[in-house]
């Protein structure tokens, strides 16, 4: 069985290669996904269909987006990541932000995702 940190790393890898079905496979069927209002793809989503809608919003708002993870912190059923996002918004604006993502696990899958962000240039 993969560690929670391994699952989070695989989720970021799947996102990086555009493999949303592989990412969804790492999530509980009852996933609660909370995107911050600081970013254009904000909102709260439930289940795989809802999270799929979230990622459709990411693709719509960010034709180019790179996520870099600076640190992963694991404690029990929680993994927090600290990192940076940068890319180009749909209107062509270059934008970047800092974030913390908190993943809560149940039965080896992500059951809750929370995103906190500090908008940088292009998002203010």
C-alpha atoms as a PDB file:
ATOM      1  CA  UNK A   1       0.000   0.000   0.000  1.00  0.00           C
ATOM      2  CA  UNK A   2       1.363   3.411  -0.974  1.00  0.00           C
ATOM      3  CA  UNK A   3       1.979   6.006   1.718  1.00  0.00           C
ATOM      4  CA  UNK A   4      -0.183   9.116   1.800  1.00  0.00           C
ATOM      5  CA  UNK A   5       2.806  11.147   0.600  1.00  0.00           C
ATOM      6  CA  UNK A   6       3.261   8.753  -2.336  1.00  0.00           C
ATOM      7  CA  UNK A   7      -0.408   9.237  -3.272  1.00  0.00           C
ATOM      8  CA  UNK A   8      -0.055  13.040  -3.185  1.00  0.00           C
ATOM      9  CA  UNK A   9       3.099  12.874  -5.320  1.00  0.00           C
ATOM     10  CA  UNK A  10       1.283  10.647  -7.826  1.00  0.00           C
ATOM     11  CA  UNK A  11      -1.662  13.081  -7.901  1.00  0.00           C
ATOM     12  CA  UNK A  12       0.665  15.968  -8.782  1.00  0.00           C
ATOM     13  CA  UNK A  13       2.439  13.810 -11.378  1.00  0.00           C
ATOM     14  CA  UNK A  14      -0.904  12.855 -12.965  1.00  0.00           C
ATOM     15  CA  UNK A  15      -1.944  16.525 -13.074  1.00  0.00           C
ATOM     16  CA  UNK A  16       1.408  17.467 -14.595  1.00  0.00           C
ATOM     17  CA  UNK A  17       0.958  15.044 -17.469  1.00  0.00           C
ATOM     18  CA  UNK A  18      -2.705  15.995 -17.931  1.00  0.00           C
ATOM     19  CA  UNK A  19      -3.999  12.587 -16.802  1.00  0.00           C
ATOM     20  CA  UNK A  20      -7.082  13.641 -14.840  1.00  0.00           C
ATOM     21  CA  UNK A  21      -8.598  10.107 -14.852  1.00  0.00           C
ATOM     22  CA  UNK A  22      -5.455   8.813 -13.068  1.00  0.00           C
ATOM     23  CA  UNK A  23      -5.732  11.659 -10.551  1.00  0.00           C
ATOM     24  CA  UNK A  24      -9.428  10.918  -9.935  1.00  0.00           C
ATOM     25  CA  UNK A  25      -8.574   7.268  -9.243  1.00  0.00           C
ATOM     26  CA  UNK A  26      -6.603   8.452  -6.187  1.00  0.00           C
ATOM     27  CA  UNK A  27      -9.672  10.140  -4.705  1.00  0.00           C
ATOM     28  CA  UNK A  28     -12.458   8.729  -2.583  1.00  0.00           C
ATOM     29  CA  UNK A  29     -15.820   8.447  -4.341  1.00  0.00           C
ATOM     30  CA  UNK A  30     -17.136  10.924  -1.743  1.00  0.00           C
ATOM     31  CA  UNK A  31     -14.294  13.437  -2.188  1.00  0.00           C
ATOM     32  CA  UNK A  32     -14.912  17.009  -1.025  1.00  0.00           C
ATOM     33  CA  UNK A  33     -12.751  19.411  -3.063  1.00  0.00           C
ATOM     34  CA  UNK A  34     -12.468  23.033  -1.927  1.00  0.00           C
ATOM     35  CA  UNK A  35     -10.788  25.520  -4.266  1.00  0.00           C
ATOM     36  CA  UNK A  36      -9.869  28.944  -2.921  1.00  0.00           C
ATOM     37  CA  UNK A  37     -11.721  32.082  -4.010  1.00  0.00           C
ATOM     38  CA  UNK A  38      -8.304  33.694  -4.622  1.00  0.00           C
ATOM     39  CA  UNK A  39      -8.044  31.800  -7.940  1.00  0.00           C
ATOM     40  CA  UNK A  40     -10.339  31.826 -10.979  1.00  0.00           C
ATOM     41  CA  UNK A  41     -11.232  28.114 -10.618  1.00  0.00           C
ATOM     42  CA  UNK A  42     -12.666  28.525  -7.114  1.00  0.00           C
ATOM     43  CA  UNK A  43     -15.565  26.597  -5.639  1.00  0.00           C
ATOM     44  CA  UNK A  44     -16.489  23.523  -3.664  1.00  0.00           C
ATOM     45  CA  UNK A  45     -17.002  20.280  -5.562  1.00  0.00           C
ATOM     46  CA  UNK A  46     -18.133  16.815  -4.535  1.00  0.00           C
ATOM     47  CA  UNK A  47     -17.466  13.391  -5.991  1.00  0.00           C
ATOM     48  CA  UNK A  48     -15.445  12.499  -9.054  1.00  0.00           C
ATOM     49  CA  UNK A  49     -17.811  14.334 -11.395  1.00  0.00           C
ATOM     50  CA  UNK A  50     -17.494  17.514  -9.350  1.00  0.00           C
ATOM     51  CA  UNK A  51     -13.705  17.319  -9.228  1.00  0.00           C
ATOM     52  CA  UNK A  52     -13.729  16.725 -12.981  1.00  0.00           C
ATOM     53  CA  UNK A  53     -15.659  20.015 -13.297  1.00  0.00           C
ATOM     54  CA  UNK A  54     -13.003  21.723 -11.162  1.00  0.00           C
ATOM     55  CA  UNK A  55     -10.227  20.547 -13.493  1.00  0.00           C
ATOM     56  CA  UNK A  56     -12.251  21.592 -16.549  1.00  0.00           C
ATOM     57  CA  UNK A  57     -12.302  25.069 -14.958  1.00  0.00           C
ATOM     58  CA  UNK A  58      -8.550  24.940 -14.426  1.00  0.00           C
ATOM     59  CA  UNK A  59      -8.027  24.094 -18.109  1.00  0.00           C
ATOM     60  CA  UNK A  60     -10.436  26.841 -19.188  1.00  0.00           C
ATOM     61  CA  UNK A  61      -8.821  29.516 -17.002  1.00  0.00           C
ATOM     62  CA  UNK A  62      -5.175  28.431 -17.357  1.00  0.00           C
ATOM     63  CA  UNK A  63      -4.163  27.362 -20.879  1.00  0.00           C
ATOM     64  CA  UNK A  64      -0.636  27.138 -19.427  1.00  0.00           C
ATOM     65  CA  UNK A  65      -0.053  26.190 -15.774  1.00  0.00           C
ATOM     66  CA  UNK A  66       2.929  24.724 -13.989  1.00  0.00           C
ATOM     67  CA  UNK A  67       2.775  23.576 -10.372  1.00  0.00           C
ATOM     68  CA  UNK A  68       6.000  23.332  -8.348  1.00  0.00           C
ATOM     69  CA  UNK A  69       6.006  21.710  -4.913  1.00  0.00           C
ATOM     70  CA  UNK A  70       8.513  23.118  -2.433  1.00  0.00           C
ATOM     71  CA  UNK A  71       7.637  20.946   0.552  1.00  0.00           C
ATOM     72  CA  UNK A  72       5.373  18.090   1.631  1.00  0.00           C
ATOM     73  CA  UNK A  73       4.466  17.727   5.301  1.00  0.00           C
ATOM     74  CA  UNK A  74       2.778  14.502   6.428  1.00  0.00           C
ATOM     75  CA  UNK A  75       1.095  13.788   9.745  1.00  0.00           C
ATOM     76  CA  UNK A  76      -1.266  10.854  10.147  1.00  0.00           C
ATOM     77  CA  UNK A  77      -4.177  11.162   7.754  1.00  0.00           C
ATOM     78  CA  UNK A  78      -3.054  14.579   6.476  1.00  0.00           C
ATOM     79  CA  UNK A  79      -0.510  15.717   3.913  1.00  0.00           C
ATOM     80  CA  UNK A  80       0.098  19.418   3.305  1.00  0.00           C
ATOM     81  CA  UNK A  81       1.995  20.718   0.323  1.00  0.00           C
ATOM     82  CA  UNK A  82       3.530  24.145  -0.032  1.00  0.00           C
ATOM     83  CA  UNK A  83       4.271  25.323  -3.525  1.00  0.00           C
ATOM     84  CA  UNK A  84       3.880  27.731  -6.407  1.00  0.00           C
ATOM     85  CA  UNK A  85       1.725  27.909  -9.485  1.00  0.00           C
ATOM     86  CA  UNK A  86       2.625  29.933 -12.570  1.00  0.00           C
ATOM     87  CA  UNK A  87       1.295  30.207 -16.058  1.00  0.00           C
ATOM     88  CA  UNK A  88      -0.794  32.113 -18.524  1.00  0.00           C
ATOM     89  CA  UNK A  89      -4.461  32.945 -17.958  1.00  0.00           C
ATOM     90  CA  UNK A  90      -7.076  32.635 -20.711  1.00  0.00           C
ATOM     91  CA  UNK A  91      -6.807  36.367 -21.464  1.00  0.00           C
ATOM     92  CA  UNK A  92      -3.047  36.003 -22.049  1.00  0.00           C
ATOM     93  CA  UNK A  93      -1.984  37.508 -18.710  1.00  0.00           C
ATOM     94  CA  UNK A  94       1.063  35.961 -17.054  1.00  0.00           C
ATOM     95  CA  UNK A  95       0.140  35.044 -13.483  1.00  0.00           C
ATOM     96  CA  UNK A  96       1.557  33.276 -10.470  1.00  0.00           C
ATOM     97  CA  UNK A  97       0.592  32.423  -6.912  1.00  0.00           C
ATOM     98  CA  UNK A  98       1.776  30.629  -3.806  1.00  0.00           C
ATOM     99  CA  UNK A  99      -0.340  27.902  -2.249  1.00  0.00           C
ATOM    100  CA  UNK A 100      -0.833  25.389   0.483  1.00  0.00           C
ATOM    101  CA  UNK A 101      -2.863  22.296  -0.327  1.00  0.00           C
ATOM    102  CA  UNK A 102      -4.176  20.093   2.472  1.00  0.00           C
ATOM    103  CA  UNK A 103      -5.091  16.490   1.629  1.00  0.00           C
ATOM    104  CA  UNK A 104      -7.082  14.440   4.151  1.00  0.00           C
ATOM    105  CA  UNK A 105      -7.037  10.667   3.696  1.00  0.00           C
ATOM    106  CA  UNK A 106      -9.509   7.899   4.487  1.00  0.00           C
ATOM    107  CA  UNK A 107      -8.900   4.265   3.592  1.00  0.00           C
ATOM    108  CA  UNK A 108      -5.834   5.111   1.487  1.00  0.00           C
ATOM    109  CA  UNK A 109      -7.586   7.657  -0.746  1.00  0.00           C
ATOM    110  CA  UNK A 110      -7.943  11.419  -0.650  1.00  0.00           C
ATOM    111  CA  UNK A 111     -11.276  12.187   1.030  1.00  0.00           C
ATOM    112  CA  UNK A 112     -10.901  15.969   1.285  1.00  0.00           C
ATOM    113  CA  UNK A 113      -8.798  18.570  -0.519  1.00  0.00           C
ATOM    114  CA  UNK A 114      -8.466  22.177   0.644  1.00  0.00           C
ATOM    115  CA  UNK A 115      -6.595  24.873  -1.270  1.00  0.00           C
ATOM    116  CA  UNK A 116      -5.265  28.105   0.225  1.00  0.00           C
ATOM    117  CA  UNK A 117      -3.507  30.619  -2.028  1.00  0.00           C
ATOM    118  CA  UNK A 118      -1.719  33.953  -1.981  1.00  0.00           C
ATOM    119  CA  UNK A 119      -2.268  35.586  -5.377  1.00  0.00           C
ATOM    120  CA  UNK A 120       0.763  37.096  -7.027  1.00  0.00           C
ATOM    121  CA  UNK A 121       1.235  39.165 -10.179  1.00  0.00           C
ATOM    122  CA  UNK A 122      -1.540  38.767 -12.719  1.00  0.00           C
ATOM    123  CA  UNK A 123      -4.097  37.686 -10.105  1.00  0.00           C
ATOM    124  CA  UNK A 124      -4.354  40.817  -7.967  1.00  0.00           C
END
